[in-house]
Amino acid sequence: MITFLSGLVVLLVGGYFYSAYCVRVMKPDNRQTPAVRLQNGMDYVPISKNKNALIQLLNIAGTGPILGPILGILFGPIAFILIPIGNIVGGSVHDYFCGMISMRNDGAQMPTMVQKYIGRKTELIYIIFLSITLLLVGAVFVYLPGDVFVSQVLNLPLKENNYLIFSVYGVILIYYVIATLFPIDKIIGRFYPFFGGFLLVASVGIFLGLFTCGYHIDEINLSNWKGLYPNGEAIFPAFFLTVACGITSGFHSTQTPIISRTLVDEHQGRWVFYGMMIAEGVIAMIWAAVAMGIYNKGIAPEFIGTPSVIGLVAKDMIGSIGGTIAIFGIIILPITSGDTALRALRLIIGEGLKIDQSKARNRLLISIVIFICVFCMLVWVKLDSKGFSFLWRYFAWSNQVIAVVTFTIISLYLAEQREQMAIAALPGMFYMYVVTSYIFQAPIGFNLSVPVANEIGFWIMMIYGGWLVYKVRQMKRES
């Protein structure tokens, strides 16, 4: 328990001080924000700081900070060290600067920033890649809450109830359509603060259960610090794809611009963007700890990553009634990220194709295309026994590719402002190594040997760093 609690202290204290450093670099001021200057009653709507914070937390905290740490803890207690460090210098930096830069550019989505800092051709590639990723997110965040609801709330076997499961999927998709089409303050702004409070209460209940249920939480030592997965897979780079949402998640760059359009003061960014990523890290740490506790009770490793283990943990720790309440909180998480993921996709497609989205008809047409694609993915996942595994792995990999692009934009923005770009360039280089070395060694990629893949990843990382230096020098010559 000491390793776990020490990690929590590092996360909270380190996040407080490092966020202050980020603020000094960003230099927020009293200029009018897009929510005030461009208010349109649809996507640009002023919302209070605390409401924005809870909305942001729900937007970014999908299934990732639960399922990811549950899988990631199989690497061992080193997870309790890597999650807080990675969150402080990686994910929270990513979210804070992404949100603030978007706010400085009229709440623009990241494709606009890609065009501005890298180029139009790269923007087109990025939009295609990002659109596919968001469709994957939408499918994952319908599949998981639907299956958890059927298996843990209704207590029915998944394999024998496909019609019921697809009915639940349909209800979730209908909600997604409503949330995607309506003004942000009508659905998201009104109900998300309540859902956010519900999530926090559920997380506190799970946290307290750690101390009352007698769970054994391993301490890090010389024999387990290397963090090998049960199948022998090394922690680098797999851990940083497995536990994305508690450490660094490129998906968040599609969500923070949504909130950059509703903040009324730049100084609120530290709490809303950086602070809520720290909160997501706390959720990830809690679920990593309870997963280790249930794993040490003798649960088979292959059972750890299933929706069933989530309900097992909740009910085992806080009883049948309290566990069911916690499960509803867990169901809310992916749903309240899936809807804003598809909302972000609607905005990205509309802005990329120059479609006026103030008209309900245009929003509906874009949304119909999006939801047909998501439904087709869900049918494929259910018909193919390996469909979800394939879907999750590509989602995790593409998620971190997007993070690399976001770190690139942040680095170039800071260089343009004559600020210290290393705060984003270094984590960007690290994740360039993670995504390239992984795809070259993974079965879903090139399936090369680990040493060869790692060497390729290292040299691609160095080339990327050299390219960043070249771009900065080019910017200085042009300025």
Protein backbone atom coordinates (compact mmCIF):
# COMPACT_ATOMS: atom_id res chain seq x y z
CA MET A 1 0.00 0.00 0.00
CA ILE A 2 2.97 2.35 0.58
CA THR A 3 3.91 2.35 -3.12
CA PHE A 4 0.33 3.12 -4.11
CA LEU A 5 -0.14 5.92 -1.55
CA SER A 6 3.28 7.39 -2.39
CA GLY A 7 2.27 7.46 -6.05
CA LEU A 8 -0.91 9.34 -5.17
CA VAL A 9 1.10 11.93 -3.20
CA VAL A 10 3.52 12.37 -6.12
CA LEU A 11 0.58 12.82 -8.50
CA LEU A 12 -1.19 15.46 -6.41
CA VAL A 13 1.81 17.41 -5.11
CA GLY A 14 3.81 17.14 -8.33
CA GLY A 15 0.77 18.14 -10.37
CA TYR A 16 0.24 21.24 -8.23
CA PHE A 17 3.77 22.54 -8.73
CA TYR A 18 4.23 21.48 -12.36
CA SER A 19 0.90 23.02 -13.34
CA ALA A 20 2.13 26.30 -11.87
CA TYR A 21 5.20 26.04 -14.11
CA CYS A 22 2.98 25.38 -17.14
CA VAL A 23 0.96 28.49 -16.33
CA ARG A 24 4.16 30.57 -16.23
CA VAL A 25 5.06 29.24 -19.67
CA MET A 26 1.59 29.80 -21.16
CA LYS A 27 1.01 33.22 -19.55
CA PRO A 28 -2.82 33.35 -19.47
CA ASP A 29 -4.23 36.87 -19.52
CA ASN A 30 -7.54 38.76 -19.41
CA ARG A 31 -8.39 38.76 -23.12
CA GLN A 32 -11.93 37.85 -24.15
CA THR A 33 -12.34 34.13 -24.62
CA PRO A 34 -14.16 32.57 -27.61
CA ALA A 35 -17.12 31.72 -25.35
CA VAL A 36 -17.68 35.44 -24.83
CA ARG A 37 -16.47 36.87 -28.12
CA LEU A 38 -18.04 34.29 -30.47
CA GLN A 39 -21.09 33.25 -28.45
CA ASN A 40 -23.60 31.54 -30.79
CA GLY A 41 -25.87 29.51 -28.50
CA MET A 42 -24.66 26.19 -29.97
CA ASP A 43 -20.98 25.35 -29.40
CA TYR A 44 -19.74 28.72 -28.11
CA VAL A 45 -21.59 29.13 -24.82
CA PRO A 46 -20.26 30.62 -21.53
CA ILE A 47 -20.32 28.01 -18.73
CA SER A 48 -19.06 28.36 -15.17
CA LYS A 49 -15.59 27.09 -14.16
CA ASN A 50 -16.70 24.18 -11.97
CA LYS A 51 -19.31 23.01 -14.47
CA ASN A 52 -16.66 23.13 -17.19
CA ALA A 53 -14.30 21.13 -14.97
CA LEU A 54 -16.83 18.33 -14.42
CA ILE A 55 -17.77 18.31 -18.11
CA GLN A 56 -14.09 18.12 -19.08
CA LEU A 57 -13.51 15.26 -16.64
CA LEU A 58 -16.38 13.26 -18.11
CA ASN A 59 -15.32 14.12 -21.67
CA ILE A 60 -11.81 12.73 -21.18
CA ALA A 61 -12.45 9.98 -18.61
CA GLY A 62 -13.97 7.23 -20.72
CA THR A 63 -13.38 3.56 -20.05
CA GLY A 64 -9.64 4.21 -20.41
CA PRO A 65 -8.82 5.21 -16.80
CA ILE A 66 -10.61 2.07 -15.60
CA LEU A 67 -9.96 -0.68 -18.14
CA GLY A 68 -6.45 0.57 -19.01
CA PRO A 69 -5.08 0.47 -15.42
CA ILE A 70 -6.86 -2.85 -14.79
CA LEU A 71 -4.88 -4.31 -17.70
CA GLY A 72 -1.76 -2.30 -16.94
CA ILE A 73 -1.43 -3.43 -13.33
CA LEU A 74 -0.44 -6.86 -14.64
CA PHE A 75 2.93 -5.27 -15.35
CA GLY A 76 3.36 -5.00 -11.58
CA PRO A 77 3.49 -2.23 -8.95
CA ILE A 78 5.79 -0.11 -11.13
CA ALA A 79 2.45 1.12 -12.55
CA PHE A 80 1.99 3.14 -9.34
CA ILE A 81 5.17 5.08 -10.23
CA LEU A 82 4.75 5.44 -13.99
CA ILE A 83 1.13 6.64 -13.90
CA PRO A 84 1.75 9.76 -11.73
CA ILE A 85 5.05 10.72 -13.41
CA GLY A 86 3.65 10.23 -16.90
CA ASN A 87 0.48 12.11 -16.02
CA ILE A 88 2.30 15.13 -14.57
CA VAL A 89 4.87 15.68 -17.34
CA GLY A 90 2.92 14.12 -20.20
CA GLY A 91 -0.86 13.92 -20.15
CA SER A 92 -1.63 17.00 -18.07
CA VAL A 93 0.81 19.09 -20.11
CA HIS A 94 -0.82 17.75 -23.27
CA ASP A 95 -4.33 18.66 -22.12
CA TYR A 96 -3.49 22.06 -20.64
CA PHE A 97 -1.59 23.47 -23.59
CA CYS A 98 -3.95 21.91 -26.13
CA GLY A 99 -6.92 23.61 -24.47
CA MET A 100 -5.16 26.93 -24.05
CA ILE A 101 -3.80 27.04 -27.61
CA SER A 102 -7.25 26.18 -28.94
CA MET A 103 -8.71 29.02 -26.85
CA ARG A 104 -6.11 31.41 -28.31
CA ASN A 105 -7.27 30.36 -31.79
CA ASP A 106 -11.03 30.87 -31.41
CA GLY A 107 -11.65 27.37 -30.05
CA ALA A 108 -10.21 25.70 -33.15
CA GLN A 109 -10.00 21.93 -33.38
CA MET A 110 -6.55 20.38 -33.78
CA PRO A 111 -6.76 19.91 -37.60
CA THR A 112 -6.79 23.70 -37.92
CA MET A 113 -3.68 23.86 -35.74
CA VAL A 114 -2.02 21.16 -37.85
CA GLN A 115 -2.62 23.21 -40.99
CA LYS A 116 -1.30 26.35 -39.32
CA TYR A 117 1.92 24.88 -37.94
CA ILE A 118 2.71 21.89 -40.18
CA GLY A 119 0.88 22.31 -43.47
CA ARG A 120 -2.30 21.68 -45.48
CA LYS A 121 -1.22 18.25 -46.80
CA THR A 122 -0.49 17.01 -43.30
CA GLU A 123 -3.84 18.37 -42.15
CA LEU A 124 -5.73 16.24 -44.70
CA ILE A 125 -3.88 13.09 -43.59
CA TYR A 126 -4.46 14.01 -39.96
CA ILE A 127 -8.20 14.56 -40.47
CA ILE A 128 -8.59 11.13 -42.07
CA PHE A 129 -6.57 9.44 -39.32
CA LEU A 130 -8.36 11.36 -36.56
CA SER A 131 -11.79 10.61 -38.02
CA ILE A 132 -11.06 6.89 -38.02
CA THR A 133 -9.79 7.10 -34.44
CA LEU A 134 -12.91 8.93 -33.25
CA LEU A 135 -15.10 6.34 -34.94
CA LEU A 136 -13.14 3.68 -33.04
CA VAL A 137 -13.68 5.65 -29.83
CA GLY A 138 -17.40 5.90 -30.54
CA ALA A 139 -17.68 2.16 -31.16
CA VAL A 140 -15.62 1.23 -28.08
CA PHE A 141 -17.66 3.57 -25.90
CA VAL A 142 -20.93 2.03 -27.03
CA TYR A 143 -19.70 -1.57 -26.80
CA LEU A 144 -18.26 -1.43 -23.28
CA PRO A 145 -21.08 0.32 -21.38
CA GLY A 146 -23.62 -1.80 -23.25
CA ASP A 147 -21.91 -5.05 -22.29
CA VAL A 148 -21.32 -3.93 -18.69
CA PHE A 149 -25.01 -3.01 -18.35
CA VAL A 150 -26.22 -6.39 -19.67
CA SER A 151 -23.67 -8.53 -17.80
CA GLN A 152 -23.44 -6.65 -14.49
CA VAL A 153 -26.74 -4.81 -14.02
CA LEU A 154 -29.10 -7.30 -15.71
CA ASN A 155 -26.83 -10.26 -14.79
CA LEU A 156 -27.37 -11.94 -18.18
CA PRO A 157 -24.80 -13.88 -20.23
CA LEU A 158 -23.45 -11.87 -23.16
CA LYS A 159 -23.20 -14.70 -25.70
CA GLU A 160 -26.88 -15.63 -25.44
CA ASN A 161 -28.45 -12.16 -25.59
CA ASN A 162 -27.29 -10.46 -28.77
CA TYR A 163 -30.73 -8.98 -29.52
CA LEU A 164 -30.90 -7.41 -26.07
CA ILE A 165 -27.33 -6.15 -26.32
CA PHE A 166 -28.01 -4.48 -29.67
CA SER A 167 -31.13 -2.90 -28.17
CA VAL A 168 -28.97 -1.39 -25.42
CA TYR A 169 -26.47 -0.24 -28.06
CA GLY A 170 -29.38 1.40 -29.89
CA VAL A 171 -30.48 3.32 -26.79
CA ILE A 172 -26.93 4.59 -26.25
CA LEU A 173 -26.66 5.62 -29.92
CA ILE A 174 -29.96 7.49 -29.74
CA TYR A 175 -28.60 9.41 -26.76
CA TYR A 176 -25.42 10.12 -28.73
CA VAL A 177 -27.48 11.56 -31.59
CA ILE A 178 -29.30 13.87 -29.20
CA ALA A 179 -26.12 15.01 -27.44
CA THR A 180 -24.34 15.52 -30.77
CA LEU A 181 -27.07 17.63 -32.34
CA PHE A 182 -28.24 19.82 -29.44
CA PRO A 183 -26.48 22.95 -28.12
CA ILE A 184 -23.76 22.08 -25.62
CA ASP A 185 -25.48 23.80 -22.68
CA LYS A 186 -28.81 21.98 -23.21
CA ILE A 187 -27.67 18.39 -22.65
CA ILE A 188 -23.98 18.26 -21.76
CA GLY A 189 -23.90 21.44 -19.70
CA ARG A 190 -27.07 20.56 -17.81
CA PHE A 191 -26.54 16.88 -16.90
CA TYR A 192 -22.77 16.36 -16.93
CA PRO A 193 -22.06 18.18 -13.66
CA PHE A 194 -24.44 15.73 -11.94
CA PHE A 195 -22.79 12.77 -13.67
CA GLY A 196 -19.38 14.14 -12.70
CA GLY A 197 -20.39 14.25 -9.05
CA PHE A 198 -21.75 10.72 -9.34
CA LEU A 199 -18.41 9.56 -10.78
CA LEU A 200 -16.43 11.18 -7.97
CA VAL A 201 -18.64 9.62 -5.30
CA ALA A 202 -18.22 6.18 -6.90
CA SER A 203 -14.44 6.64 -7.08
CA VAL A 204 -14.29 7.65 -3.40
CA GLY A 205 -16.31 4.55 -2.48
CA ILE A 206 -13.91 2.29 -4.39
CA PHE A 207 -10.92 4.05 -2.80
CA LEU A 208 -12.26 3.58 0.73
CA GLY A 209 -12.94 -0.06 -0.06
CA LEU A 210 -9.19 -0.57 -0.45
CA PHE A 211 -8.80 -0.05 3.30
CA THR A 212 -11.85 -2.02 4.45
CA CYS A 213 -11.75 -5.16 2.29
CA GLY A 214 -8.28 -6.37 3.20
CA TYR A 215 -6.90 -6.23 -0.35
CA HIS A 216 -3.19 -6.96 -0.67
CA ILE A 217 -1.43 -4.31 -2.75
CA ASP A 218 2.09 -5.26 -3.80
CA GLU A 219 5.04 -3.01 -3.03
CA ILE A 220 7.69 -2.32 -5.64
CA ASN A 221 11.00 -4.11 -5.04
CA LEU A 222 14.11 -5.29 -6.88
CA SER A 223 12.36 -8.39 -8.19
CA ASN A 224 9.26 -6.77 -9.72
CA TRP A 225 10.32 -3.29 -10.83
CA LYS A 226 11.01 -4.34 -14.44
CA GLY A 227 7.30 -4.86 -14.97
CA LEU A 228 6.91 -7.86 -17.26
CA TYR A 229 3.43 -8.80 -18.44
CA PRO A 230 2.28 -12.37 -17.63
CA ASN A 231 2.93 -13.33 -21.28
CA GLY A 232 6.50 -11.97 -21.02
CA GLU A 233 5.81 -8.69 -22.86
CA ALA A 234 8.16 -5.89 -21.77
CA ILE A 235 6.79 -2.73 -20.17
CA PHE A 236 8.35 -0.50 -22.82
CA PRO A 237 6.50 0.41 -24.96
CA ALA A 238 3.37 -1.68 -24.26
CA PHE A 239 2.50 -0.15 -20.88
CA PHE A 240 2.13 3.36 -22.32
CA LEU A 241 -0.39 2.13 -24.86
CA THR A 242 -2.24 -0.08 -22.37
CA VAL A 243 -2.58 2.71 -19.76
CA ALA A 244 -3.20 5.69 -22.02
CA CYS A 245 -6.04 7.64 -20.44
CA GLY A 246 -4.43 7.82 -16.98
CA ILE A 247 -1.09 8.95 -18.40
CA THR A 248 -1.33 10.54 -21.85
CA SER A 249 -4.18 10.27 -24.35
CA GLY A 250 -4.31 11.91 -27.77
CA PHE A 251 -8.09 11.52 -27.69
CA HIS A 252 -8.16 14.38 -25.18
CA SER A 253 -7.02 16.79 -27.90
CA THR A 254 -10.43 16.29 -29.54
CA GLN A 255 -12.23 17.09 -26.27
CA THR A 256 -10.37 20.08 -24.83
CA PRO A 257 -11.27 22.35 -27.79
CA ILE A 258 -14.94 21.72 -26.98
CA ILE A 259 -14.39 23.19 -23.51
CA SER A 260 -12.12 25.94 -24.86
CA ARG A 261 -15.31 27.29 -26.45
CA THR A 262 -17.13 27.50 -23.10
CA LEU A 263 -14.49 28.92 -20.69
CA VAL A 264 -14.98 32.56 -19.77
CA ASP A 265 -11.48 33.22 -18.40
CA GLU A 266 -8.06 31.95 -19.52
CA HIS A 267 -6.94 31.61 -15.89
CA GLN A 268 -9.50 28.82 -15.43
CA GLY A 269 -7.49 26.60 -17.77
CA ARG A 270 -5.16 25.36 -15.04
CA TRP A 271 -8.03 23.87 -13.05
CA VAL A 272 -10.19 22.73 -15.96
CA PHE A 273 -7.54 21.27 -18.29
CA TYR A 274 -4.53 20.37 -16.15
CA GLY A 275 -6.47 19.71 -12.95
CA MET A 276 -9.02 17.36 -14.51
CA MET A 277 -6.26 15.30 -16.10
CA ILE A 278 -4.74 14.93 -12.63
CA ALA A 279 -8.20 13.83 -11.42
CA GLU A 280 -8.28 11.22 -14.17
CA GLY A 281 -4.87 10.04 -12.99
CA VAL A 282 -6.26 9.60 -9.48
CA ILE A 283 -9.11 7.47 -10.89
CA ALA A 284 -6.56 5.40 -12.82
CA MET A 285 -4.44 4.88 -9.69
CA ILE A 286 -7.47 3.74 -7.67
CA TRP A 287 -8.54 1.21 -10.29
CA ALA A 288 -4.97 -0.04 -10.71
CA ALA A 289 -4.85 -0.67 -6.94
CA VAL A 290 -8.19 -2.48 -6.74
CA ALA A 291 -7.31 -4.54 -9.82
CA MET A 292 -4.10 -5.65 -8.12
CA GLY A 293 -6.10 -6.49 -5.00
CA ILE A 294 -8.60 -8.64 -6.89
CA TYR A 295 -5.78 -10.18 -8.95
CA ASN A 296 -3.98 -11.19 -5.77
CA LYS A 297 -7.14 -13.00 -4.69
CA GLY A 298 -6.50 -15.50 -7.47
CA ILE A 299 -8.33 -14.08 -10.51
CA ALA A 300 -6.89 -15.42 -13.77
CA PRO A 301 -4.98 -12.80 -15.80
CA GLU A 302 -7.17 -13.36 -18.89
CA PHE A 303 -10.24 -12.44 -16.79
CA ILE A 304 -8.75 -9.12 -15.64
CA GLY A 305 -9.56 -7.13 -18.77
CA THR A 306 -13.18 -8.19 -19.19
CA PRO A 307 -16.23 -6.08 -18.30
CA SER A 308 -17.15 -8.71 -15.68
CA VAL A 309 -14.14 -7.94 -13.50
CA ILE A 310 -15.27 -4.31 -13.16
CA GLY A 311 -18.54 -5.42 -11.58
CA LEU A 312 -16.80 -8.06 -9.50
CA VAL A 313 -14.48 -5.46 -7.98
CA ALA A 314 -17.28 -2.97 -7.28
CA LYS A 315 -19.61 -5.49 -5.65
CA ASP A 316 -16.82 -7.22 -3.73
CA MET A 317 -15.64 -3.94 -2.22
CA ILE A 318 -18.78 -2.01 -1.40
CA GLY A 319 -21.57 -4.58 -1.42
CA SER A 320 -24.31 -5.46 -3.88
CA ILE A 321 -26.27 -2.19 -3.69
CA GLY A 322 -23.26 0.10 -3.46
CA GLY A 323 -21.48 -1.95 -6.13
CA THR A 324 -24.42 -1.55 -8.49
CA ILE A 325 -24.32 2.22 -7.95
CA ALA A 326 -20.59 2.20 -8.67
CA ILE A 327 -21.21 0.17 -11.83
CA PHE A 328 -23.66 2.81 -13.06
CA GLY A 329 -20.89 5.35 -12.50
CA ILE A 330 -18.59 3.18 -14.59
CA ILE A 331 -21.22 2.95 -17.35
CA ILE A 332 -21.57 6.72 -17.37
CA LEU A 333 -17.83 7.21 -17.98
CA PRO A 334 -17.61 5.84 -21.53
CA ILE A 335 -21.03 7.15 -22.52
CA THR A 336 -20.12 10.70 -21.54
CA SER A 337 -16.88 10.44 -23.52
CA GLY A 338 -18.41 8.71 -26.52
CA ASP A 339 -20.99 11.41 -27.13
CA THR A 340 -18.44 14.23 -27.06
CA ALA A 341 -16.07 12.16 -29.22
CA LEU A 342 -18.74 11.97 -31.90
CA ARG A 343 -19.62 15.62 -31.32
CA ALA A 344 -15.95 16.46 -31.93
CA LEU A 345 -16.00 14.32 -35.09
CA ARG A 346 -19.07 16.19 -36.31
CA LEU A 347 -17.29 19.50 -35.72
CA ILE A 348 -14.07 18.33 -37.40
CA ILE A 349 -15.86 17.01 -40.50
CA GLY A 350 -18.06 20.08 -40.74
CA GLU A 351 -15.18 22.52 -40.35
CA GLY A 352 -12.95 20.53 -42.70
CA LEU A 353 -15.60 20.49 -45.43
CA LYS A 354 -16.69 24.10 -44.71
CA ILE A 355 -20.25 23.03 -43.85
CA ASP A 356 -22.34 25.55 -41.91
CA GLN A 357 -23.22 23.75 -38.68
CA SER A 358 -25.51 26.43 -37.33
CA LYS A 359 -28.22 24.69 -39.39
CA ALA A 360 -29.77 21.63 -37.75
CA ARG A 361 -30.19 19.91 -41.13
CA ASN A 362 -26.46 20.00 -41.83
CA ARG A 363 -25.61 18.71 -38.35
CA LEU A 364 -28.12 15.88 -38.80
CA LEU A 365 -26.72 14.80 -42.18
CA ILE A 366 -23.15 14.63 -40.84
CA SER A 367 -24.33 12.78 -37.75
CA ILE A 368 -26.26 10.16 -39.77
CA VAL A 369 -23.11 9.22 -41.69
CA ILE A 370 -21.11 9.02 -38.45
CA PHE A 371 -23.62 6.80 -36.64
CA ILE A 372 -24.01 4.41 -39.58
CA CYS A 373 -20.25 3.86 -39.50
CA VAL A 374 -20.26 3.29 -35.72
CA PHE A 375 -23.13 0.80 -35.98
CA CYS A 376 -21.32 -1.17 -38.69
CA MET A 377 -18.26 -1.39 -36.42
CA LEU A 378 -20.41 -2.71 -33.58
CA VAL A 379 -21.91 -5.42 -35.79
CA TRP A 380 -18.41 -6.50 -36.86
CA VAL A 381 -17.14 -6.58 -33.26
CA LYS A 382 -20.03 -8.80 -32.17
CA LEU A 383 -19.75 -11.18 -35.14
CA ASP A 384 -15.97 -11.61 -34.85
CA SER A 385 -14.73 -13.16 -31.59
CA LYS A 386 -11.46 -11.24 -31.90
CA GLY A 387 -13.15 -8.06 -33.06
CA PHE A 388 -12.99 -6.13 -29.80
CA SER A 389 -9.36 -7.06 -29.14
CA PHE A 390 -8.48 -5.81 -32.62
CA LEU A 391 -10.56 -2.67 -32.14
CA TRP A 392 -9.05 -1.85 -28.71
CA ARG A 393 -5.45 -2.30 -29.83
CA TYR A 394 -5.78 -0.08 -32.87
CA PHE A 395 -7.66 2.47 -30.81
CA ALA A 396 -4.85 2.50 -28.22
CA TRP A 397 -2.13 2.86 -30.85
CA SER A 398 -3.87 5.50 -32.95
CA ASN A 399 -4.72 7.37 -29.74
CA GLN A 400 -1.02 7.86 -28.97
CA VAL A 401 -0.16 8.76 -32.57
CA ILE A 402 -2.59 11.66 -32.19
CA ALA A 403 -0.84 12.61 -28.92
CA VAL A 404 2.47 12.89 -30.82
CA VAL A 405 0.85 15.29 -33.29
CA THR A 406 -0.57 17.34 -30.43
CA PHE A 407 2.81 17.56 -28.67
CA THR A 408 4.27 18.70 -32.00
CA ILE A 409 1.75 21.54 -32.29
CA ILE A 410 2.37 22.58 -28.68
CA SER A 411 6.14 22.56 -29.23
CA LEU A 412 5.93 24.73 -32.35
CA TYR A 413 3.46 27.12 -30.71
CA LEU A 414 5.77 27.60 -27.73
CA ALA A 415 8.75 28.10 -30.03
CA GLU A 416 6.77 30.74 -31.93
CA GLN A 417 6.03 32.49 -28.63
CA ARG A 418 9.74 32.33 -27.68
CA GLU A 419 8.90 30.04 -24.76
CA GLN A 420 10.60 26.84 -23.59
CA MET A 421 9.38 24.17 -26.05
CA ALA A 422 11.12 21.26 -24.30
CA ILE A 423 8.13 20.95 -21.95
CA ALA A 424 6.21 19.43 -24.90
CA ALA A 425 9.00 18.32 -27.24
CA LEU A 426 10.50 15.79 -24.82
CA PRO A 427 7.24 13.89 -24.12
CA GLY A 428 6.50 14.16 -27.85
CA MET A 429 9.80 12.43 -28.66
CA PHE A 430 9.14 9.77 -26.04
CA TYR A 431 5.72 8.95 -27.50
CA MET A 432 7.14 8.94 -31.02
CA TYR A 433 9.39 6.13 -29.79
CA VAL A 434 6.45 4.37 -28.12
CA VAL A 435 4.16 4.33 -31.17
CA THR A 436 6.83 3.45 -33.72
CA SER A 437 8.59 0.72 -31.74
CA TYR A 438 5.21 -0.79 -30.82
CA ILE A 439 3.76 -0.92 -34.35
CA PHE A 440 6.96 -2.47 -35.69
CA GLN A 441 6.94 -5.29 -33.10
CA ALA A 442 3.20 -5.82 -32.52
CA PRO A 443 1.19 -8.59 -34.24
CA ILE A 444 -1.24 -5.90 -35.44
CA GLY A 445 1.72 -4.14 -37.11
CA PHE A 446 4.91 -5.43 -38.76
CA ASN A 447 5.60 -8.19 -36.18
CA LEU A 448 9.38 -7.67 -36.20
CA SER A 449 11.66 -8.83 -33.40
CA VAL A 450 11.69 -6.63 -30.30
CA PRO A 451 15.35 -5.49 -30.60
CA VAL A 452 14.90 -4.52 -34.26
CA ALA A 453 11.63 -2.70 -33.57
CA ASN A 454 13.12 -0.81 -30.62
CA GLU A 455 16.11 0.30 -32.71
CA ILE A 456 13.84 1.50 -35.50
CA GLY A 457 11.74 3.38 -32.95
CA PHE A 458 14.85 5.02 -31.48
CA TRP A 459 16.07 6.33 -34.84
CA ILE A 460 12.63 7.56 -35.87
CA MET A 461 12.44 9.39 -32.53
CA MET A 462 15.82 11.05 -33.25
CA ILE A 463 14.74 12.03 -36.77
CA TYR A 464 11.56 13.52 -35.31
CA GLY A 465 13.61 15.55 -32.80
CA GLY A 466 15.86 16.80 -35.61
CA TRP A 467 12.80 17.77 -37.65
CA LEU A 468 11.47 19.81 -34.73
CA VAL A 469 14.77 21.70 -34.50
CA TYR A 470 14.63 22.34 -38.27
CA LYS A 471 11.04 23.65 -38.07
CA VAL A 472 11.93 26.00 -35.22
CA ARG A 473 14.90 27.42 -37.13
CA GLN A 474 12.71 27.82 -40.21
CA MET A 475 10.11 29.71 -38.16
CA LYS A 476 12.79 32.03 -36.81
CA ARG A 477 14.10 32.78 -40.33
CA GLU A 478 10.60 33.59 -41.56
CA SER A 479 9.78 35.82 -38.58
